[in-house]
Amino acid sequence: MATQLVELLILAGARVKRKSANARTGQEVQFLRSLIDIFMAAPEKFHGAALDEFDGLVCALCANADPETRQAIGARLAHSADAPRRVLKQLARDDISIAESILRLSPNLKDDDICAIIRARGIAHHRAIANRFDLSYAVSEALLALNNEVITISLLKNQRAHFRPHVLEALVDQSRKLTSLQAPLVNRFDLSPALLTRLYFYVPAALKSQILNRSDHLEPALIDEAIQINRASLFHPGQDKEHLRHSVYQRSIQGHLTEVQLRALISERKIDEFIFAFAYLAGLDEDAVKTILNDSRFEALAIACRASEIHRDLFSRLVFGVLLEGRDKAKALRILDLYLKVPPDAAKKLMRLWRLRSKAVQNANQTIILDAKATATRRSDKRQTA
């Protein structure tokens, strides 16, 4: 049967080649459509030499077919996981009205095929690729390399586009100036808690609210686990300043680690010990606290203090007694006003994300879903795949 199919396809191919390159008859169009019907009805019969002959024959017929026919053929082959690649690549480079369905849907286009099309074609093809059902790291990065704002936004809006962590981090940093990227980034399911908290400090109020609302979907047990992991990370033996860590640990197990103790550490200029103690009380890791203290606008510190129910007086001592020591204190009233303007509920929501951002927590929880919609989308994808 396979041999007969190959022979028939060879004979058909020879007939097509004898035709003039400009010939376009109704019979040829019908023949092409019939070939596709036969293939779609039993693609498993086309393999090896038979698939190669079929692929070459359809390519030859499509090259001489009218746009409407090519569009119809492309739309049918786009859904097939068995569609031959030569004709797919040929149609994918065609006019966008013909190529779009294949670029967006075909599971049989390989990354190399798609990247070659990105290099060869223009923005219409790029936009269709950016909206593919599934995009690998390589394809996403090839699209980003175009440095086209419209394509980057389309790509970020595609929840099934995959990005390496360092690429997302670069996009978050870029969005500080290119503000059109901020909303698509905030709405991505795969944006880590660390990147969401970074975004929080320079997006407008409406997007700040969206970030805070996403923390509502986090399970309380996950936050409790994160606090425990962060606190445990503070007391790993053999690390630098182990004597300071031991001091904080002893106070914590004796119940002496309080806001009063934090005030005393500030007064005694024991800043390293204060960092460990503050991290323990807030349920953060050491790196997170250092990031908070390095925020020159003090918004992060105001949020951390409000979320941890640390009084304004301690916030003031820390800012003006340590962080602004010897520097211009003209911003004093504005900074104190900042503390009062931070809603405690909003601060607690953002602190959930801060607690999840540490490397220790990320290692313990490889996938942290930050939006209920993400769960629904993934379940839908699994059902469609099944």
Protein backbone atom coordinates (compact mmCIF):
# COMPACT_ATOMS: atom_id res chain seq x y z
CA MET A 1 0.00 0.00 0.00
CA ALA A 2 2.78 2.43 0.93
CA THR A 3 4.63 1.67 -2.33
CA GLN A 4 1.49 2.24 -4.39
CA LEU A 5 0.86 5.57 -2.65
CA VAL A 6 4.40 6.72 -3.42
CA GLU A 7 4.06 5.70 -7.06
CA LEU A 8 0.76 7.55 -7.42
CA LEU A 9 2.22 10.67 -5.86
CA ILE A 10 5.28 10.49 -8.16
CA LEU A 11 3.04 10.21 -11.21
CA ALA A 12 0.91 13.14 -10.02
CA GLY A 13 4.02 15.19 -9.38
CA ALA A 14 5.37 14.50 -12.86
CA ARG A 15 2.06 15.66 -14.34
CA VAL A 16 2.20 18.90 -12.39
CA LYS A 17 5.76 19.58 -13.51
CA ARG A 18 4.79 19.20 -17.17
CA LYS A 19 2.32 22.04 -16.78
CA SER A 20 3.34 25.60 -17.50
CA ALA A 21 4.41 27.53 -14.42
CA ASN A 22 1.58 29.97 -15.08
CA ALA A 23 -1.11 27.38 -15.61
CA ARG A 24 -3.82 27.48 -13.04
CA THR A 25 -6.81 25.34 -13.90
CA GLY A 26 -9.89 24.49 -11.93
CA GLN A 27 -8.87 20.84 -12.16
CA GLU A 28 -5.56 21.53 -10.44
CA VAL A 29 -7.26 23.42 -7.63
CA GLN A 30 -9.71 20.59 -7.14
CA PHE A 31 -6.87 18.08 -7.28
CA LEU A 32 -4.98 20.02 -4.59
CA ARG A 33 -8.03 20.20 -2.33
CA SER A 34 -8.67 16.48 -2.84
CA LEU A 35 -5.07 15.69 -1.90
CA ILE A 36 -5.47 17.62 1.35
CA ASP A 37 -8.77 15.82 2.04
CA ILE A 38 -7.07 12.45 1.62
CA PHE A 39 -4.19 13.46 3.86
CA MET A 40 -6.39 14.89 6.60
CA ALA A 41 -8.56 11.76 6.60
CA ALA A 42 -5.62 9.40 7.20
CA PRO A 43 -2.34 11.24 7.92
CA GLU A 44 -0.85 8.09 9.44
CA LYS A 45 -0.63 6.57 5.94
CA PHE A 46 1.74 9.33 4.86
CA HIS A 47 5.21 8.65 6.20
CA GLY A 48 8.72 8.28 4.89
CA ALA A 49 8.93 8.51 1.11
CA ALA A 50 5.16 8.95 0.76
CA LEU A 51 5.20 12.02 3.02
CA ASP A 52 8.17 13.48 1.13
CA GLU A 53 6.44 13.04 -2.23
CA PHE A 54 3.19 14.45 -0.87
CA ASP A 55 5.03 17.43 0.62
CA GLY A 56 6.78 18.24 -2.66
CA LEU A 57 3.61 17.82 -4.70
CA VAL A 58 1.52 20.10 -2.45
CA CYS A 59 4.32 22.71 -2.47
CA ALA A 60 4.32 22.71 -6.28
CA LEU A 61 0.53 22.98 -6.48
CA CYS A 62 0.34 25.71 -3.83
CA ALA A 63 3.01 27.75 -5.60
CA ASN A 64 0.67 27.95 -8.58
CA ALA A 65 -2.64 28.19 -6.70
CA ASP A 66 -4.71 31.30 -6.15
CA PRO A 67 -4.52 33.11 -2.75
CA GLU A 68 -7.97 31.90 -1.67
CA THR A 69 -6.95 28.27 -2.20
CA ARG A 70 -3.61 28.76 -0.42
CA GLN A 71 -5.41 30.36 2.50
CA ALA A 72 -7.85 27.44 2.74
CA ILE A 73 -5.03 24.88 2.58
CA GLY A 74 -3.04 26.75 5.23
CA ALA A 75 -6.04 26.94 7.55
CA ARG A 76 -6.57 23.17 7.31
CA LEU A 77 -2.93 22.19 7.75
CA ALA A 78 -2.43 24.63 10.63
CA HIS A 79 -4.28 22.34 13.04
CA SER A 80 -2.46 19.14 12.04
CA ALA A 81 0.44 17.83 14.08
CA ASP A 82 1.33 15.64 11.06
CA ALA A 83 1.37 18.34 8.40
CA PRO A 84 4.50 18.20 6.20
CA ARG A 85 7.00 20.90 7.06
CA ARG A 86 8.04 22.06 3.60
CA VAL A 87 4.56 23.21 2.66
CA LEU A 88 4.06 24.67 6.13
CA LYS A 89 7.23 26.74 5.80
CA GLN A 90 6.25 27.81 2.30
CA LEU A 91 2.80 28.97 3.32
CA ALA A 92 4.11 30.55 6.54
CA ARG A 93 6.28 32.90 4.46
CA ASP A 94 3.36 33.79 2.18
CA ASP A 95 1.18 36.88 2.48
CA ILE A 96 -0.03 37.29 6.06
CA SER A 97 -3.65 36.51 5.14
CA ILE A 98 -2.40 33.05 4.11
CA ALA A 99 0.36 32.62 6.69
CA GLU A 100 -1.42 33.78 9.85
CA SER A 101 -3.25 30.58 10.77
CA ILE A 102 -0.07 28.52 10.41
CA LEU A 103 2.07 31.01 12.31
CA ARG A 104 -0.38 31.17 15.19
CA LEU A 105 -1.47 27.55 15.41
CA SER A 106 0.75 25.01 13.66
CA PRO A 107 2.39 22.65 16.17
CA ASN A 108 4.64 21.27 13.44
CA LEU A 109 6.67 24.43 12.83
CA LYS A 110 10.00 24.06 14.61
CA ASP A 111 11.85 26.84 16.42
CA ASP A 112 14.42 27.09 13.61
CA ASP A 113 11.62 27.47 11.07
CA ILE A 114 9.95 30.24 13.07
CA CYS A 115 13.20 32.12 13.74
CA ALA A 116 14.00 32.02 10.02
CA ILE A 117 10.57 33.51 9.26
CA ILE A 118 11.17 36.24 11.87
CA ARG A 119 14.37 37.19 10.04
CA ALA A 120 12.77 37.05 6.59
CA ARG A 121 9.39 38.69 7.09
CA GLY A 122 7.92 41.86 8.59
CA ILE A 123 5.80 43.10 11.45
CA ALA A 124 2.56 41.39 10.40
CA HIS A 125 4.24 37.98 10.53
CA HIS A 126 6.03 38.94 13.76
CA ARG A 127 2.74 39.86 15.41
CA ALA A 128 1.15 36.55 14.38
CA ILE A 129 4.13 34.64 15.79
CA ALA A 130 3.96 36.63 19.04
CA ASN A 131 0.42 35.30 19.46
CA ARG A 132 1.25 31.62 18.89
CA PHE A 133 -0.37 29.12 21.24
CA ASP A 134 3.04 28.18 22.63
CA LEU A 135 6.33 30.05 22.33
CA SER A 136 9.69 28.67 23.41
CA TYR A 137 12.47 30.68 25.04
CA ALA A 138 14.34 30.84 21.72
CA VAL A 139 11.42 32.24 19.73
CA SER A 140 10.48 34.75 22.43
CA GLU A 141 14.04 36.02 22.54
CA ALA A 142 14.20 36.25 18.73
CA LEU A 143 11.10 38.46 18.80
CA LEU A 144 12.47 40.60 21.62
CA ALA A 145 15.69 41.09 19.66
CA LEU A 146 13.66 43.04 17.08
CA ASN A 147 13.38 45.87 19.66
CA ASN A 148 9.87 46.62 18.45
CA GLU A 149 7.61 47.98 21.17
CA VAL A 150 4.40 46.71 19.54
CA ILE A 151 5.77 43.18 19.17
CA THR A 152 7.18 43.15 22.72
CA ILE A 153 3.79 44.16 24.13
CA SER A 154 1.99 41.48 22.08
CA LEU A 155 4.50 38.93 23.29
CA LEU A 156 4.10 39.90 26.95
CA LYS A 157 0.32 39.66 26.65
CA ASN A 158 0.66 36.06 25.47
CA GLN A 159 0.54 34.01 28.66
CA ARG A 160 1.86 30.98 26.77
CA ALA A 161 5.05 32.72 25.73
CA HIS A 162 7.99 31.47 27.78
CA PHE A 163 10.74 33.74 29.13
CA ARG A 164 13.93 32.92 30.98
CA PRO A 165 14.08 34.61 34.42
CA HIS A 166 16.90 36.98 33.42
CA VAL A 167 14.91 38.08 30.35
CA LEU A 168 11.87 38.94 32.46
CA GLU A 169 14.14 40.80 34.85
CA ALA A 170 15.55 42.85 31.95
CA LEU A 171 12.03 43.63 30.71
CA VAL A 172 10.98 44.79 34.18
CA ASP A 173 14.00 47.10 34.32
CA GLN A 174 13.23 48.36 30.80
CA SER A 175 9.63 49.10 31.78
CA ARG A 176 10.81 51.77 34.20
CA LYS A 177 11.32 54.05 31.18
CA LEU A 178 9.17 52.25 28.62
CA THR A 179 5.95 52.45 30.63
CA SER A 180 3.81 50.73 28.00
CA LEU A 181 5.38 47.43 29.15
CA GLN A 182 4.24 47.82 32.75
CA ALA A 183 0.61 46.66 32.47
CA PRO A 184 1.43 43.54 30.39
CA LEU A 185 4.18 42.65 32.87
CA VAL A 186 1.96 43.08 35.93
CA ASN A 187 -0.61 40.76 34.36
CA ARG A 188 1.83 37.95 33.55
CA PHE A 189 1.26 34.79 35.60
CA ASP A 190 4.95 33.86 35.50
CA LEU A 191 6.30 37.08 37.00
CA SER A 192 8.05 36.17 40.24
CA PRO A 193 7.26 37.82 43.58
CA ALA A 194 10.69 39.49 43.44
CA LEU A 195 9.92 41.12 40.09
CA LEU A 196 6.39 42.08 41.11
CA THR A 197 7.72 43.88 44.17
CA ARG A 198 10.33 45.63 42.02
CA LEU A 199 7.61 46.77 39.61
CA TYR A 200 5.44 47.99 42.48
CA PHE A 201 7.72 50.91 43.25
CA TYR A 202 7.49 52.60 39.87
CA VAL A 203 4.11 51.71 38.37
CA PRO A 204 1.04 54.00 38.64
CA ALA A 205 -1.57 53.57 41.36
CA ALA A 206 -3.93 51.39 39.30
CA LEU A 207 -1.18 48.84 38.62
CA LYS A 208 -0.04 48.97 42.25
CA SER A 209 -3.58 47.88 43.17
CA GLN A 210 -3.40 44.99 40.70
CA ILE A 211 -0.13 43.79 42.22
CA LEU A 212 -1.61 43.94 45.71
CA ASN A 213 -4.76 42.13 44.56
CA ARG A 214 -2.65 39.30 43.17
CA SER A 215 -1.27 38.65 46.63
CA ASP A 216 -4.85 37.91 47.77
CA HIS A 217 -4.71 34.67 45.77
CA LEU A 218 -1.78 33.35 47.79
CA GLU A 219 -2.64 30.64 50.27
CA PRO A 220 -1.95 31.62 53.92
CA ALA A 221 -0.10 28.33 54.43
CA LEU A 222 2.34 29.32 51.68
CA ILE A 223 3.07 32.63 53.42
CA ASP A 224 3.55 30.91 56.79
CA GLU A 225 5.97 28.47 55.16
CA ALA A 226 7.86 31.33 53.53
CA ILE A 227 8.28 33.09 56.89
CA GLN A 228 9.68 29.91 58.44
CA ILE A 229 12.06 29.35 55.53
CA ASN A 230 13.29 32.96 55.62
CA ARG A 231 13.84 32.86 59.37
CA ALA A 232 15.71 29.57 59.12
CA SER A 233 17.94 31.04 56.39
CA LEU A 234 19.09 33.73 58.85
CA PHE A 235 20.66 31.17 61.15
CA HIS A 236 22.59 28.88 58.80
CA PRO A 237 25.85 27.96 60.56
CA GLY A 238 29.20 28.85 59.08
CA GLN A 239 28.05 32.12 57.50
CA ASP A 240 29.58 35.56 57.98
CA LYS A 241 28.83 37.39 61.25
CA GLU A 242 27.78 34.15 62.88
CA HIS A 243 28.09 35.66 66.36
CA LEU A 244 25.50 38.30 65.44
CA ARG A 245 23.20 35.65 64.05
CA HIS A 246 23.58 33.64 67.22
CA SER A 247 22.69 36.68 69.33
CA VAL A 248 19.52 37.30 67.33
CA TYR A 249 18.65 33.61 67.45
CA GLN A 250 18.97 33.48 71.22
CA ARG A 251 16.73 36.52 71.62
CA SER A 252 14.16 35.06 69.26
CA ILE A 253 13.82 31.75 71.12
CA GLN A 254 13.68 33.56 74.47
CA GLY A 255 10.92 35.86 73.23
CA HIS A 256 13.06 38.97 73.69
CA LEU A 257 13.06 40.02 70.06
CA THR A 258 10.65 42.96 70.10
CA GLU A 259 10.34 46.49 68.78
CA VAL A 260 11.97 47.68 72.01
CA GLN A 261 14.99 45.51 71.21
CA LEU A 262 15.14 46.98 67.70
CA ARG A 263 15.23 50.50 69.18
CA ALA A 264 18.07 49.46 71.47
CA LEU A 265 20.07 48.03 68.54
CA ILE A 266 19.67 51.30 66.64
CA SER A 267 20.68 53.35 69.67
CA GLU A 268 23.74 51.14 70.18
CA ARG A 269 24.65 51.44 66.49
CA LYS A 270 24.50 47.65 66.05
CA ILE A 271 23.26 47.91 62.48
CA ASP A 272 24.24 44.43 61.27
CA GLU A 273 22.50 42.87 64.23
CA PHE A 274 19.51 45.15 63.61
CA ILE A 275 19.27 43.84 60.02
CA PHE A 276 19.06 40.24 61.24
CA ALA A 277 16.57 41.13 63.97
CA PHE A 278 14.38 43.18 61.64
CA ALA A 279 14.48 40.38 59.05
CA TYR A 280 13.36 37.88 61.69
CA LEU A 281 10.46 40.01 62.92
CA ALA A 282 9.29 40.79 59.38
CA GLY A 283 9.68 37.19 58.18
CA LEU A 284 12.11 38.25 55.44
CA ASP A 285 15.53 37.05 54.40
CA GLU A 286 18.64 39.17 54.89
CA ASP A 287 18.90 40.22 51.23
CA ALA A 288 15.32 41.52 51.23
CA VAL A 289 16.00 43.71 54.26
CA LYS A 290 19.16 45.11 52.70
CA THR A 291 17.19 45.93 49.55
CA ILE A 292 14.56 47.67 51.66
CA LEU A 293 17.14 49.71 53.55
CA ASN A 294 18.88 50.70 50.30
CA ASP A 295 15.72 52.29 48.88
CA SER A 296 16.70 55.96 48.85
CA ARG A 297 13.02 57.03 48.75
CA PHE A 298 12.27 54.98 51.92
CA GLU A 299 8.97 53.79 50.50
CA ALA A 300 10.00 50.14 50.84
CA LEU A 301 11.01 50.71 54.46
CA ALA A 302 7.73 52.48 55.23
CA ILE A 303 5.82 49.53 53.77
CA ALA A 304 7.88 46.96 55.69
CA CYS A 305 7.44 48.84 58.97
CA ARG A 306 3.68 49.28 58.48
CA ALA A 307 3.25 45.62 57.54
CA SER A 308 5.27 44.48 60.57
CA GLU A 309 3.36 46.90 62.87
CA ILE A 310 6.55 48.75 63.70
CA HIS A 311 5.71 52.17 65.13
CA ARG A 312 6.40 55.43 63.33
CA ASP A 313 8.86 56.39 66.07
CA LEU A 314 11.14 53.44 65.24
CA PHE A 315 10.80 54.19 61.51
CA SER A 316 11.87 57.78 62.25
CA ARG A 317 14.85 56.69 64.36
CA LEU A 318 16.04 54.33 61.67
CA VAL A 319 15.75 56.87 58.87
CA PHE A 320 17.14 59.91 60.62
CA GLY A 321 19.44 58.23 63.11
CA VAL A 322 21.09 55.82 60.69
CA LEU A 323 20.14 56.00 57.03
CA LEU A 324 20.29 59.80 56.68
CA GLU A 325 23.05 60.39 59.17
CA GLY A 326 25.35 63.11 57.93
CA ARG A 327 23.22 63.72 54.88
CA ASP A 328 20.60 66.25 53.87
CA LYS A 329 17.56 65.85 56.13
CA ALA A 330 15.41 68.40 54.31
CA LYS A 331 13.11 65.59 53.22
CA ALA A 332 12.25 64.75 56.84
CA LEU A 333 8.60 65.79 56.81
CA ARG A 334 7.96 64.18 53.44
CA ILE A 335 9.50 60.90 54.58
CA LEU A 336 7.49 60.82 57.81
CA ASP A 337 4.37 61.68 55.83
CA LEU A 338 5.15 58.73 53.55
CA TYR A 339 4.92 56.36 56.51
CA LEU A 340 1.47 57.70 57.41
CA LYS A 341 0.22 57.48 53.84
CA VAL A 342 0.98 53.77 53.48
CA PRO A 343 -2.27 51.87 54.20
CA PRO A 344 -1.52 49.00 56.62
CA ASP A 345 -3.64 46.57 54.58
CA ALA A 346 -1.78 47.42 51.37
CA ALA A 347 1.56 47.08 53.18
CA LYS A 348 0.64 43.60 54.44
CA LYS A 349 -0.37 42.50 50.95
CA LEU A 350 2.92 43.63 49.45
CA MET A 351 4.85 42.04 52.31
CA ARG A 352 3.41 38.65 51.30
CA LEU A 353 5.21 39.03 47.99
CA TRP A 354 8.41 40.21 49.69
CA ARG A 355 8.39 37.08 51.84
CA LEU A 356 8.09 34.88 48.78
CA ARG A 357 10.93 36.54 46.88
CA SER A 358 13.88 34.96 48.68
CA LYS A 359 15.99 32.31 46.93
CA ALA A 360 15.38 29.86 49.75
CA VAL A 361 11.62 30.14 49.30
CA GLN A 362 11.87 29.95 45.51
CA ASN A 363 13.93 26.76 45.79
CA ALA A 364 11.37 25.24 48.15
CA ASN A 365 8.45 26.25 45.91
CA GLN A 366 9.52 25.88 42.29
CA THR A 367 6.19 27.17 40.96
CA ILE A 368 4.29 29.86 42.84
CA ILE A 369 1.00 30.70 41.12
CA LEU A 370 0.13 34.31 41.88
CA ASP A 371 -3.23 34.53 40.19
CA ALA A 372 -6.30 32.32 40.25
CA LYS A 373 -6.66 32.82 36.49
CA ALA A 374 -3.30 31.13 35.99
CA THR A 375 -4.64 27.92 37.55
CA ALA A 376 -7.73 28.01 35.36
CA THR A 377 -5.67 28.63 32.22
CA ARG A 378 -3.29 25.78 32.94
CA ARG A 379 -6.16 23.40 33.60
CA SER A 380 -7.80 24.48 30.33
CA ASP A 381 -4.54 23.88 28.45
CA LYS A 382 -4.25 20.37 29.90
CA ARG A 383 -7.81 19.56 28.85
CA GLN A 384 -7.18 20.80 25.30
CA THR A 385 -3.93 18.79 25.10
CA ALA A 386 -5.73 15.66 26.33
